[in-house]
Amino acid sequence: MDHLMLSCPYVGVLWTEINRRIKDPVPAFSNWSHLMQWASSSTSLTPSGLRMMVVQALTYTIWQQRNNMLHNQTLFPPLVAFKRINRHIIDSIYAARKRRNFSSLMELWLI
């Protein structure tokens, strides 16, 4: 789990792209617990809701890529995978639009 989510070079590209979107720098995580602590903490630039969406979208995309590699022996380039992560986060924020922080989450992710 630590390798797949934190130290795999493929995932490193995804974290780099995520870091470009998030205005509050994402630290280098040493283990899964550190990642979960980051995801559950909050700042004004990256509330925990957005952090959780990022971790969920990243985890889901990595799982899809892992299965695609195991079953089809193909792997999408990391930037294609990031487009899926981006779309998933935008869709998740949009689905949560009835919450009062909808526009702020969208702004934090897109701007």
PDB file of N, CA and C in Angstrom:
ATOM      1  N   MET A   1       0.834  -1.186   0.000  1.00  0.00           N
ATOM      2  CA  MET A   1       0.000   0.000   0.000  1.00  0.00           C
ATOM      3  C   MET A   1       0.885   1.258   0.000  1.00  0.00           C
ATOM      4  N   ASP A   2       1.904   1.269   0.851  1.00  0.00           N
ATOM      5  CA  ASP A   2       2.778   2.444   0.890  1.00  0.00           C
ATOM      6  C   ASP A   2       3.460   2.661  -0.459  1.00  0.00           C
ATOM      7  N   HIS A   3       3.966   1.571  -1.041  1.00  0.00           N
ATOM      8  CA  HIS A   3       4.634   1.715  -2.340  1.00  0.00           C
ATOM      9  C   HIS A   3       3.652   2.212  -3.395  1.00  0.00           C
ATOM     10  N   LEU A   4       2.515   1.570  -3.476  1.00  0.00           N
ATOM     11  CA  LEU A   4       1.549   1.886  -4.528  1.00  0.00           C
ATOM     12  C   LEU A   4       1.039   3.317  -4.440  1.00  0.00           C
ATOM     13  N   MET A   5       0.838   3.831  -3.248  1.00  0.00           N
ATOM     14  CA  MET A   5       0.271   5.171  -3.096  1.00  0.00           C
ATOM     15  C   MET A   5       1.306   6.269  -2.852  1.00  0.00           C
ATOM     16  N   LEU A   6       2.516   5.902  -2.469  1.00  0.00           N
ATOM     17  CA  LEU A   6       3.445   6.931  -2.027  1.00  0.00           C
ATOM     18  C   LEU A   6       4.798   6.945  -2.734  1.00  0.00           C
ATOM     19  N   SER A   7       5.310   5.807  -3.139  1.00  0.00           N
ATOM     20  CA  SER A   7       6.670   5.813  -3.676  1.00  0.00           C
ATOM     21  C   SER A   7       6.795   5.296  -5.101  1.00  0.00           C
ATOM     22  N   CYS A   8       5.742   4.794  -5.672  1.00  0.00           N
ATOM     23  CA  CYS A   8       5.771   4.328  -7.061  1.00  0.00           C
ATOM     24  C   CYS A   8       5.998   5.531  -7.987  1.00  0.00           C
ATOM     25  N   PRO A   9       6.922   5.440  -8.948  1.00  0.00           N
ATOM     26  CA  PRO A   9       7.186   6.573  -9.853  1.00  0.00           C
ATOM     27  C   PRO A   9       5.938   7.036 -10.624  1.00  0.00           C
ATOM     28  N   TYR A  10       5.082   6.102 -10.993  1.00  0.00           N
ATOM     29  CA  TYR A  10       3.841   6.438 -11.699  1.00  0.00           C
ATOM     30  C   TYR A  10       2.985   7.356 -10.830  1.00  0.00           C
ATOM     31  N   VAL A  11       2.847   6.984  -9.564  1.00  0.00           N
ATOM     32  CA  VAL A  11       2.049   7.774  -8.636  1.00  0.00           C
ATOM     33  C   VAL A  11       2.740   9.096  -8.320  1.00  0.00           C
ATOM     34  N   GLY A  12       4.055   9.113  -8.385  1.00  0.00           N
ATOM     35  CA  GLY A  12       4.787  10.357  -8.173  1.00  0.00           C
ATOM     36  C   GLY A  12       4.379  11.427  -9.174  1.00  0.00           C
ATOM     37  N   VAL A  13       4.156  11.033 -10.414  1.00  0.00           N
ATOM     38  CA  VAL A  13       3.691  11.975 -11.436  1.00  0.00           C
ATOM     39  C   VAL A  13       2.296  12.487 -11.073  1.00  0.00           C
ATOM     40  N   LEU A  14       1.444  11.590 -10.590  1.00  0.00           N
ATOM     41  CA  LEU A  14       0.084  12.002 -10.194  1.00  0.00           C
ATOM     42  C   LEU A  14       0.131  12.975  -9.026  1.00  0.00           C
ATOM     43  N   TRP A  15       0.974  12.703  -8.035  1.00  0.00           N
ATOM     44  CA  TRP A  15       1.103  13.620  -6.896  1.00  0.00           C
ATOM     45  C   TRP A  15       1.651  14.977  -7.350  1.00  0.00           C
ATOM     46  N   THR A  16       2.555  14.980  -8.321  1.00  0.00           N
ATOM     47  CA  THR A  16       3.081  16.242  -8.847  1.00  0.00           C
ATOM     48  C   THR A  16       1.957  17.064  -9.464  1.00  0.00           C
ATOM     49  N   GLU A  17       1.098  16.423 -10.235  1.00  0.00           N
ATOM     50  CA  GLU A  17      -0.035  17.125 -10.852  1.00  0.00           C
ATOM     51  C   GLU A  17      -1.033  17.603  -9.798  1.00  0.00           C
ATOM     52  N   ILE A  18      -1.272  16.779  -8.793  1.00  0.00           N
ATOM     53  CA  ILE A  18      -2.166  17.183  -7.697  1.00  0.00           C
ATOM     54  C   ILE A  18      -1.572  18.390  -6.986  1.00  0.00           C
ATOM     55  N   ASN A  19      -0.273  18.365  -6.763  1.00  0.00           N
ATOM     56  CA  ASN A  19       0.406  19.470  -6.089  1.00  0.00           C
ATOM     57  C   ASN A  19       0.292  20.767  -6.889  1.00  0.00           C
ATOM     58  N   ARG A  20       0.223  20.661  -8.199  1.00  0.00           N
ATOM     59  CA  ARG A  20       0.041  21.858  -9.030  1.00  0.00           C
ATOM     60  C   ARG A  20      -1.344  22.456  -8.853  1.00  0.00           C
ATOM     61  N   ARG A  21      -2.318  21.628  -8.535  1.00  0.00           N
ATOM     62  CA  ARG A  21      -3.690  22.097  -8.342  1.00  0.00           C
ATOM     63  C   ARG A  21      -3.931  22.656  -6.956  1.00  0.00           C
ATOM     64  N   ILE A  22      -3.322  22.031  -5.966  1.00  0.00           N
ATOM     65  CA  ILE A  22      -3.554  22.428  -4.577  1.00  0.00           C
ATOM     66  C   ILE A  22      -2.573  23.542  -4.226  1.00  0.00           C
ATOM     67  N   LYS A  23      -3.105  24.643  -3.752  1.00  0.00           N
ATOM     68  CA  LYS A  23      -2.270  25.808  -3.442  1.00  0.00           C
ATOM     69  C   LYS A  23      -1.425  25.620  -2.188  1.00  0.00           C
ATOM     70  N   ASP A  24      -1.866  24.771  -1.299  1.00  0.00           N
ATOM     71  CA  ASP A  24      -1.149  24.448  -0.072  1.00  0.00           C
ATOM     72  C   ASP A  24      -0.255  23.251  -0.387  1.00  0.00           C
ATOM     73  N   PRO A  25       1.070  23.392  -0.363  1.00  0.00           N
ATOM     74  CA  PRO A  25       1.943  22.298  -0.800  1.00  0.00           C
ATOM     75  C   PRO A  25       1.642  20.970  -0.100  1.00  0.00           C
ATOM     76  N   VAL A  26       1.574  19.933  -0.895  1.00  0.00           N
ATOM     77  CA  VAL A  26       1.360  18.586  -0.375  1.00  0.00           C
ATOM     78  C   VAL A  26       2.715  18.042   0.052  1.00  0.00           C
ATOM     79  N   PRO A  27       2.837  17.599   1.299  1.00  0.00           N
ATOM     80  CA  PRO A  27       4.138  17.088   1.751  1.00  0.00           C
ATOM     81  C   PRO A  27       4.443  15.724   1.129  1.00  0.00           C
ATOM     82  N   ALA A  28       5.696  15.336   1.188  1.00  0.00           N
ATOM     83  CA  ALA A  28       6.078  13.975   0.792  1.00  0.00           C
ATOM     84  C   ALA A  28       5.692  13.062   1.951  1.00  0.00           C
ATOM     85  N   PHE A  29       4.894  12.063   1.677  1.00  0.00           N
ATOM     86  CA  PHE A  29       4.405  11.175   2.724  1.00  0.00           C
ATOM     87  C   PHE A  29       5.360  10.003   2.900  1.00  0.00           C
ATOM     88  N   SER A  30       5.630   9.661   4.151  1.00  0.00           N
ATOM     89  CA  SER A  30       6.534   8.551   4.423  1.00  0.00           C
ATOM     90  C   SER A  30       5.788   7.231   4.565  1.00  0.00           C
ATOM     91  N   ASN A  31       4.498   7.300   4.930  1.00  0.00           N
ATOM     92  CA  ASN A  31       3.713   6.074   5.064  1.00  0.00           C
ATOM     93  C   ASN A  31       2.227   6.407   4.959  1.00  0.00           C
ATOM     94  N   TRP A  32       1.421   5.362   4.948  1.00  0.00           N
ATOM     95  CA  TRP A  32      -0.029   5.498   4.785  1.00  0.00           C
ATOM     96  C   TRP A  32      -0.643   6.321   5.914  1.00  0.00           C
ATOM     97  N   SER A  33      -0.179   6.124   7.130  1.00  0.00           N
ATOM     98  CA  SER A  33      -0.709   6.874   8.275  1.00  0.00           C
ATOM     99  C   SER A  33      -0.486   8.372   8.102  1.00  0.00           C
ATOM    100  N   HIS A  34       0.676   8.742   7.601  1.00  0.00           N
ATOM    101  CA  HIS A  34       0.987  10.149   7.360  1.00  0.00           C
ATOM    102  C   HIS A  34       0.031  10.720   6.307  1.00  0.00           C
ATOM    103  N   LEU A  35      -0.231   9.946   5.255  1.00  0.00           N
ATOM    104  CA  LEU A  35      -1.185  10.368   4.228  1.00  0.00           C
ATOM    105  C   LEU A  35      -2.576  10.564   4.826  1.00  0.00           C
ATOM    106  N   MET A  36      -3.021   9.637   5.673  1.00  0.00           N
ATOM    107  CA  MET A  36      -4.347   9.740   6.280  1.00  0.00           C
ATOM    108  C   MET A  36      -4.431  10.922   7.244  1.00  0.00           C
ATOM    109  N   GLN A  37      -3.346  11.212   7.946  1.00  0.00           N
ATOM    110  CA  GLN A  37      -3.333  12.388   8.824  1.00  0.00           C
ATOM    111  C   GLN A  37      -3.477  13.660   8.003  1.00  0.00           C
ATOM    112  N   TRP A  38      -2.764  13.726   6.878  1.00  0.00           N
ATOM    113  CA  TRP A  38      -2.874  14.886   5.990  1.00  0.00           C
ATOM    114  C   TRP A  38      -4.304  15.009   5.454  1.00  0.00           C
ATOM    115  N   ALA A  39      -4.873  13.911   5.006  1.00  0.00           N
ATOM    116  CA  ALA A  39      -6.214  13.933   4.414  1.00  0.00           C
ATOM    117  C   ALA A  39      -7.272  14.381   5.417  1.00  0.00           C
ATOM    118  N   SER A  40      -7.096  14.040   6.668  1.00  0.00           N
ATOM    119  CA  SER A  40      -8.114  14.390   7.663  1.00  0.00           C
ATOM    120  C   SER A  40      -7.872  15.753   8.309  1.00  0.00           C
ATOM    121  N   SER A  41      -6.724  16.359   8.045  1.00  0.00           N
ATOM    122  CA  SER A  41      -6.476  17.702   8.570  1.00  0.00           C
ATOM    123  C   SER A  41      -7.005  18.735   7.588  1.00  0.00           C
ATOM    124  N   SER A  42      -6.975  19.989   7.992  1.00  0.00           N
ATOM    125  CA  SER A  42      -7.590  21.020   7.176  1.00  0.00           C
ATOM    126  C   SER A  42      -6.829  22.334   7.288  1.00  0.00           C
ATOM    127  N   THR A  43      -6.788  23.063   6.174  1.00  0.00           N
ATOM    128  CA  THR A  43      -6.292  24.434   6.173  1.00  0.00           C
ATOM    129  C   THR A  43      -7.284  25.253   5.358  1.00  0.00           C
ATOM    130  N   SER A  44      -7.114  26.548   5.353  1.00  0.00           N
ATOM    131  CA  SER A  44      -8.026  27.382   4.572  1.00  0.00           C
ATOM    132  C   SER A  44      -7.848  27.155   3.074  1.00  0.00           C
ATOM    133  N   LEU A  45      -6.656  26.745   2.651  1.00  0.00           N
ATOM    134  CA  LEU A  45      -6.403  26.504   1.236  1.00  0.00           C
ATOM    135  C   LEU A  45      -6.797  25.104   0.779  1.00  0.00           C
ATOM    136  N   THR A  46      -6.751  24.160   1.702  1.00  0.00           N
ATOM    137  CA  THR A  46      -7.164  22.787   1.374  1.00  0.00           C
ATOM    138  C   THR A  46      -7.939  22.180   2.545  1.00  0.00           C
ATOM    139  N   PRO A  47      -9.262  22.407   2.549  1.00  0.00           N
ATOM    140  CA  PRO A  47     -10.080  21.814   3.607  1.00  0.00           C
ATOM    141  C   PRO A  47     -10.042  20.290   3.532  1.00  0.00           C
ATOM    142  N   SER A  48     -10.341  19.662   4.646  1.00  0.00           N
ATOM    143  CA  SER A  48     -10.272  18.201   4.705  1.00  0.00           C
ATOM    144  C   SER A  48     -11.194  17.552   3.673  1.00  0.00           C
ATOM    145  N   GLY A  49     -12.323  18.168   3.371  1.00  0.00           N
ATOM    146  CA  GLY A  49     -13.221  17.598   2.358  1.00  0.00           C
ATOM    147  C   GLY A  49     -12.549  17.482   1.007  1.00  0.00           C
ATOM    148  N   LEU A  50     -11.815  18.498   0.617  1.00  0.00           N
ATOM    149  CA  LEU A  50     -11.094  18.466  -0.653  1.00  0.00           C
ATOM    150  C   LEU A  50      -9.945  17.463  -0.590  1.00  0.00           C
ATOM    151  N   ARG A  51      -9.243  17.442   0.513  1.00  0.00           N
ATOM    152  CA  ARG A  51      -8.142  16.484   0.670  1.00  0.00           C
ATOM    153  C   ARG A  51      -8.658  15.048   0.576  1.00  0.00           C
ATOM    154  N   MET A  52      -9.780  14.780   1.219  1.00  0.00           N
ATOM    155  CA  MET A  52     -10.355  13.434   1.166  1.00  0.00           C
ATOM    156  C   MET A  52     -10.771  13.074  -0.257  1.00  0.00           C
ATOM    157  N   MET A  53     -11.326  14.047  -0.985  1.00  0.00           N
ATOM    158  CA  MET A  53     -11.692  13.798  -2.379  1.00  0.00           C
ATOM    159  C   MET A  53     -10.465  13.457  -3.211  1.00  0.00           C
ATOM    160  N   VAL A  54      -9.378  14.160  -2.963  1.00  0.00           N
ATOM    161  CA  VAL A  54      -8.132  13.913  -3.692  1.00  0.00           C
ATOM    162  C   VAL A  54      -7.636  12.497  -3.413  1.00  0.00           C
ATOM    163  N   VAL A  55      -7.587  12.126  -2.142  1.00  0.00           N
ATOM    164  CA  VAL A  55      -7.095  10.793  -1.778  1.00  0.00           C
ATOM    165  C   VAL A  55      -8.013   9.716  -2.347  1.00  0.00           C
ATOM    166  N   GLN A  56      -9.324   9.930  -2.275  1.00  0.00           N
ATOM    167  CA  GLN A  56     -10.267   8.940  -2.799  1.00  0.00           C
ATOM    168  C   GLN A  56     -10.114   8.793  -4.308  1.00  0.00           C
ATOM    169  N   ALA A  57     -10.035   9.900  -5.024  1.00  0.00           N
ATOM    170  CA  ALA A  57      -9.897   9.851  -6.483  1.00  0.00           C
ATOM    171  C   ALA A  57      -8.569   9.219  -6.883  1.00  0.00           C
ATOM    172  N   LEU A  58      -7.517   9.563  -6.170  1.00  0.00           N
ATOM    173  CA  LEU A  58      -6.209   8.976  -6.458  1.00  0.00           C
ATOM    174  C   LEU A  58      -6.225   7.468  -6.195  1.00  0.00           C
ATOM    175  N   THR A  59      -6.761   7.057  -5.069  1.00  0.00           N
ATOM    176  CA  THR A  59      -6.823   5.641  -4.722  1.00  0.00           C
ATOM    177  C   THR A  59      -7.617   4.862  -5.759  1.00  0.00           C
ATOM    178  N   TYR A  60      -8.777   5.383  -6.135  1.00  0.00           N
ATOM    179  CA  TYR A  60      -9.619   4.714  -7.124  1.00  0.00           C
ATOM    180  C   TYR A  60      -8.910   4.600  -8.475  1.00  0.00           C
ATOM    181  N   THR A  61      -8.260   5.672  -8.894  1.00  0.00           N
ATOM    182  CA  THR A  61      -7.568   5.663 -10.183  1.00  0.00           C
ATOM    183  C   THR A  61      -6.390   4.689 -10.168  1.00  0.00           C
ATOM    184  N   ILE A  62      -5.641   4.664  -9.079  1.00  0.00           N
ATOM    185  CA  ILE A  62      -4.520   3.728  -8.961  1.00  0.00           C
ATOM    186  C   ILE A  62      -5.028   2.293  -8.995  1.00  0.00           C
ATOM    187  N   TRP A  63      -6.128   2.042  -8.306  1.00  0.00           N
ATOM    188  CA  TRP A  63      -6.714   0.692  -8.310  1.00  0.00           C
ATOM    189  C   TRP A  63      -7.135   0.296  -9.731  1.00  0.00           C
ATOM    190  N   GLN A  64      -7.754   1.223 -10.458  1.00  0.00           N
ATOM    191  CA  GLN A  64      -8.143   0.943 -11.840  1.00  0.00           C
ATOM    192  C   GLN A  64      -6.910   0.640 -12.693  1.00  0.00           C
ATOM    193  N   GLN A  65      -5.863   1.426 -12.542  1.00  0.00           N
ATOM    194  CA  GLN A  65      -4.653   1.224 -13.333  1.00  0.00           C
ATOM    195  C   GLN A  65      -3.981  -0.097 -12.980  1.00  0.00           C
ATOM    196  N   ARG A  66      -3.982  -0.436 -11.708  1.00  0.00           N
ATOM    197  CA  ARG A  66      -3.410  -1.710 -11.266  1.00  0.00           C
ATOM    198  C   ARG A  66      -4.159  -2.865 -11.905  1.00  0.00           C
ATOM    199  N   ASN A  67      -5.490  -2.816 -11.842  1.00  0.00           N
ATOM    200  CA  ASN A  67      -6.291  -3.886 -12.440  1.00  0.00           C
ATOM    201  C   ASN A  67      -6.128  -3.930 -13.948  1.00  0.00           C
ATOM    202  N   ASN A  68      -6.055  -2.785 -14.582  1.00  0.00           N
ATOM    203  CA  ASN A  68      -5.863  -2.725 -16.023  1.00  0.00           C
ATOM    204  C   ASN A  68      -4.528  -3.369 -16.410  1.00  0.00           C
ATOM    205  N   MET A  69      -3.519  -3.111 -15.612  1.00  0.00           N
ATOM    206  CA  MET A  69      -2.207  -3.696 -15.880  1.00  0.00           C
ATOM    207  C   MET A  69      -2.233  -5.211 -15.665  1.00  0.00           C
ATOM    208  N   LEU A  70      -2.861  -5.655 -14.587  1.00  0.00           N
ATOM    209  CA  LEU A  70      -2.912  -7.089 -14.293  1.00  0.00           C
ATOM    210  C   LEU A  70      -3.742  -7.872 -15.308  1.00  0.00           C
ATOM    211  N   HIS A  71      -4.873  -7.316 -15.702  1.00  0.00           N
ATOM    212  CA  HIS A  71      -5.808  -8.074 -16.539  1.00  0.00           C
ATOM    213  C   HIS A  71      -5.652  -7.821 -18.035  1.00  0.00           C
ATOM    214  N   ASN A  72      -5.179  -6.642 -18.406  1.00  0.00           N
ATOM    215  CA  ASN A  72      -5.080  -6.293 -19.830  1.00  0.00           C
ATOM    216  C   ASN A  72      -3.654  -5.999 -20.284  1.00  0.00           C
ATOM    217  N   GLN A  73      -2.717  -6.000 -19.353  1.00  0.00           N
ATOM    218  CA  GLN A  73      -1.324  -5.682 -19.630  1.00  0.00           C
ATOM    219  C   GLN A  73      -1.163  -4.329 -20.338  1.00  0.00           C
ATOM    220  N   THR A  74      -2.021  -3.382 -19.979  1.00  0.00           N
ATOM    221  CA  THR A  74      -1.900  -2.023 -20.505  1.00  0.00           C
ATOM    222  C   THR A  74      -1.964  -1.038 -19.355  1.00  0.00           C
ATOM    223  N   LEU A  75      -1.364   0.096 -19.574  1.00  0.00           N
ATOM    224  CA  LEU A  75      -1.332   1.132 -18.555  1.00  0.00           C
ATOM    225  C   LEU A  75      -1.494   2.473 -19.247  1.00  0.00           C
ATOM    226  N   PHE A  76      -2.443   3.265 -18.780  1.00  0.00           N
ATOM    227  CA  PHE A  76      -2.608   4.606 -19.323  1.00  0.00           C
ATOM    228  C   PHE A  76      -1.451   5.476 -18.851  1.00  0.00           C
ATOM    229  N   PRO A  77      -1.009   6.421 -19.670  1.00  0.00           N
ATOM    230  CA  PRO A  77       0.025   7.348 -19.202  1.00  0.00           C
ATOM    231  C   PRO A  77      -0.470   8.109 -17.965  1.00  0.00           C
ATOM    232  N   PRO A  78       0.444   8.496 -17.081  1.00  0.00           N
ATOM    233  CA  PRO A  78       0.037   9.167 -15.843  1.00  0.00           C
ATOM    234  C   PRO A  78      -0.796  10.427 -16.063  1.00  0.00           C
ATOM    235  N   LEU A  79      -0.504  11.198 -17.101  1.00  0.00           N
ATOM    236  CA  LEU A  79      -1.287  12.421 -17.311  1.00  0.00           C
ATOM    237  C   LEU A  79      -2.711  12.113 -17.760  1.00  0.00           C
ATOM    238  N   VAL A  80      -2.922  10.997 -18.418  1.00  0.00           N
ATOM    239  CA  VAL A  80      -4.283  10.557 -18.748  1.00  0.00           C
ATOM    240  C   VAL A  80      -4.991  10.149 -17.462  1.00  0.00           C
ATOM    241  N   ALA A  81      -4.272   9.440 -16.602  1.00  0.00           N
ATOM    242  CA  ALA A  81      -4.851   9.052 -15.306  1.00  0.00           C
ATOM    243  C   ALA A  81      -5.181  10.292 -14.482  1.00  0.00           C
ATOM    244  N   PHE A  82      -4.327  11.325 -14.539  1.00  0.00           N
ATOM    245  CA  PHE A  82      -4.623  12.542 -13.786  1.00  0.00           C
ATOM    246  C   PHE A  82      -5.889  13.213 -14.311  1.00  0.00           C
ATOM    247  N   LYS A  83      -6.111  13.177 -15.605  1.00  0.00           N
ATOM    248  CA  LYS A  83      -7.355  13.742 -16.150  1.00  0.00           C
ATOM    249  C   LYS A  83      -8.565  13.055 -15.548  1.00  0.00           C
ATOM    250  N   ARG A  84      -8.457  11.763 -15.311  1.00  0.00           N
ATOM    251  CA  ARG A  84      -9.550  11.021 -14.654  1.00  0.00           C
ATOM    252  C   ARG A  84      -9.711  11.470 -13.203  1.00  0.00           C
ATOM    253  N   ILE A  85      -8.595  11.662 -12.525  1.00  0.00           N
ATOM    254  CA  ILE A  85      -8.646  12.146 -11.138  1.00  0.00           C
ATOM    255  C   ILE A  85      -9.297  13.525 -11.107  1.00  0.00           C
ATOM    256  N   ASN A  86      -8.862  14.397 -11.983  1.00  0.00           N
ATOM    257  CA  ASN A  86      -9.420  15.746 -12.065  1.00  0.00           C
ATOM    258  C   ASN A  86     -10.931  15.698 -12.296  1.00  0.00           C
ATOM    259  N   ARG A  87     -11.365  14.902 -13.241  1.00  0.00           N
ATOM    260  CA  ARG A  87     -12.795  14.788 -13.557  1.00  0.00           C
ATOM    261  C   ARG A  87     -13.571  14.239 -12.367  1.00  0.00           C
ATOM    262  N   HIS A  88     -12.981  13.247 -11.701  1.00  0.00           N
ATOM    263  CA  HIS A  88     -13.638  12.649 -10.538  1.00  0.00           C
ATOM    264  C   HIS A  88     -13.822  13.676  -9.420  1.00  0.00           C
ATOM    265  N   ILE A  89     -12.803  14.483  -9.176  1.00  0.00           N
ATOM    266  CA  ILE A  89     -12.901  15.500  -8.121  1.00  0.00           C
ATOM    267  C   ILE A  89     -13.922  16.563  -8.494  1.00  0.00           C
ATOM    268  N   ILE A  90     -13.891  17.030  -9.727  1.00  0.00           N
ATOM    269  CA  ILE A  90     -14.883  18.024 -10.170  1.00  0.00           C
ATOM    270  C   ILE A  90     -16.295  17.458 -10.040  1.00  0.00           C
ATOM    271  N   ASP A  91     -16.491  16.222 -10.467  1.00  0.00           N
ATOM    272  CA  ASP A  91     -17.811  15.592 -10.356  1.00  0.00           C
ATOM    273  C   ASP A  91     -18.238  15.436  -8.897  1.00  0.00           C
ATOM    274  N   SER A  92     -17.291  15.081  -8.028  1.00  0.00           N
ATOM    275  CA  SER A  92     -17.611  14.925  -6.602  1.00  0.00           C
ATOM    276  C   SER A  92     -18.001  16.257  -5.975  1.00  0.00           C
ATOM    277  N   ILE A  93     -17.277  17.309  -6.328  1.00  0.00           N
ATOM    278  CA  ILE A  93     -17.617  18.638  -5.802  1.00  0.00           C
ATOM    279  C   ILE A  93     -18.981  19.066  -6.325  1.00  0.00           C
ATOM    280  N   TYR A  94     -19.212  18.840  -7.598  1.00  0.00           N
ATOM    281  CA  TYR A  94     -20.490  19.211  -8.193  1.00  0.00           C
ATOM    282  C   TYR A  94     -21.646  18.433  -7.549  1.00  0.00           C
ATOM    283  N   ALA A  95     -21.429  17.153  -7.275  1.00  0.00           N
ATOM    284  CA  ALA A  95     -22.464  16.330  -6.638  1.00  0.00           C
ATOM    285  C   ALA A  95     -22.776  16.830  -5.229  1.00  0.00           C
ATOM    286  N   ALA A  96     -21.801  17.472  -4.608  1.00  0.00           N
ATOM    287  CA  ALA A  96     -21.978  17.980  -3.247  1.00  0.00           C
ATOM    288  C   ALA A  96     -22.398  19.442  -3.243  1.00  0.00           C
ATOM    289  N   ARG A  97     -22.904  19.940  -4.347  1.00  0.00           N
ATOM    290  CA  ARG A  97     -23.184  21.375  -4.491  1.00  0.00           C
ATOM    291  C   ARG A  97     -24.206  21.914  -3.506  1.00  0.00           C
ATOM    292  N   LYS A  98     -24.996  21.056  -2.897  1.00  0.00           N
ATOM    293  CA  LYS A  98     -25.980  21.540  -1.920  1.00  0.00           C
ATOM    294  C   LYS A  98     -25.323  21.938  -0.608  1.00  0.00           C
ATOM    295  N   ARG A  99     -24.083  21.491  -0.438  1.00  0.00           N
ATOM    296  CA  ARG A  99     -23.354  21.933   0.757  1.00  0.00           C
ATOM    297  C   ARG A  99     -22.940  23.377   0.553  1.00  0.00           C
ATOM    298  N   ARG A 100     -22.834  24.097   1.623  1.00  0.00           N
ATOM    299  CA  ARG A 100     -22.558  25.527   1.519  1.00  0.00           C
ATOM    300  C   ARG A 100     -21.164  25.844   0.998  1.00  0.00           C
ATOM    301  N   ASN A 101     -20.229  24.910   1.079  1.00  0.00           N
ATOM    302  CA  ASN A 101     -18.867  25.205   0.642  1.00  0.00           C
ATOM    303  C   ASN A 101     -18.591  24.735  -0.780  1.00  0.00           C
ATOM    304  N   PHE A 102     -19.640  24.474  -1.553  1.00  0.00           N
ATOM    305  CA  PHE A 102     -19.483  23.993  -2.925  1.00  0.00           C
ATOM    306  C   PHE A 102     -18.607  24.907  -3.766  1.00  0.00           C
ATOM    307  N   SER A 103     -18.960  26.179  -3.823  1.00  0.00           N
ATOM    308  CA  SER A 103     -18.219  27.092  -4.697  1.00  0.00           C
ATOM    309  C   SER A 103     -16.780  27.273  -4.222  1.00  0.00           C
ATOM    310  N   SER A 104     -16.583  27.296  -2.910  1.00  0.00           N
ATOM    311  CA  SER A 104     -15.212  27.470  -2.425  1.00  0.00           C
ATOM    312  C   SER A 104     -14.360  26.239  -2.745  1.00  0.00           C
ATOM    313  N   LEU A 105     -14.926  25.033  -2.631  1.00  0.00           N
ATOM    314  CA  LEU A 105     -14.167  23.835  -2.986  1.00  0.00           C
ATOM    315  C   LEU A 105     -13.816  23.838  -4.469  1.00  0.00           C
ATOM    316  N   MET A 106     -14.780  24.212  -5.295  1.00  0.00           N
ATOM    317  CA  MET A 106     -14.530  24.232  -6.740  1.00  0.00           C
ATOM    318  C   MET A 106     -13.449  25.261  -7.058  1.00  0.00           C
ATOM    319  N   GLU A 107     -13.528  26.422  -6.444  1.00  0.00           N
ATOM    320  CA  GLU A 107     -12.506  27.447  -6.663  1.00  0.00           C
ATOM    321  C   GLU A 107     -11.126  26.970  -6.205  1.00  0.00           C
ATOM    322  N   LEU A 108     -11.070  26.329  -5.059  1.00  0.00           N
ATOM    323  CA  LEU A 108      -9.788  25.852  -4.548  1.00  0.00           C
ATOM    324  C   LEU A 108      -9.182  24.793  -5.465  1.00  0.00           C
ATOM    325  N   TRP A 109     -10.023  23.994  -6.085  1.00  0.00           N
ATOM    326  CA  TRP A 109      -9.497  22.957  -6.966  1.00  0.00           C
ATOM    327  C   TRP A 109      -9.159  23.496  -8.363  1.00  0.00           C
ATOM    328  N   LEU A 110      -9.990  24.360  -8.902  1.00  0.00           N
ATOM    329  CA  LEU A 110      -9.820  24.777 -10.286  1.00  0.00           C
ATOM    330  C   LEU A 110      -8.906  25.987 -10.481  1.00  0.00           C
ATOM    331  N   ILE A 111      -8.788  26.823  -9.500  1.00  0.00           N
ATOM    332  CA  ILE A 111      -8.032  28.069  -9.691  1.00  0.00           C
ATOM    333  C   ILE A 111      -6.602  27.896  -9.237  1.00  0.00           C
TER     334      ILE A 111
END
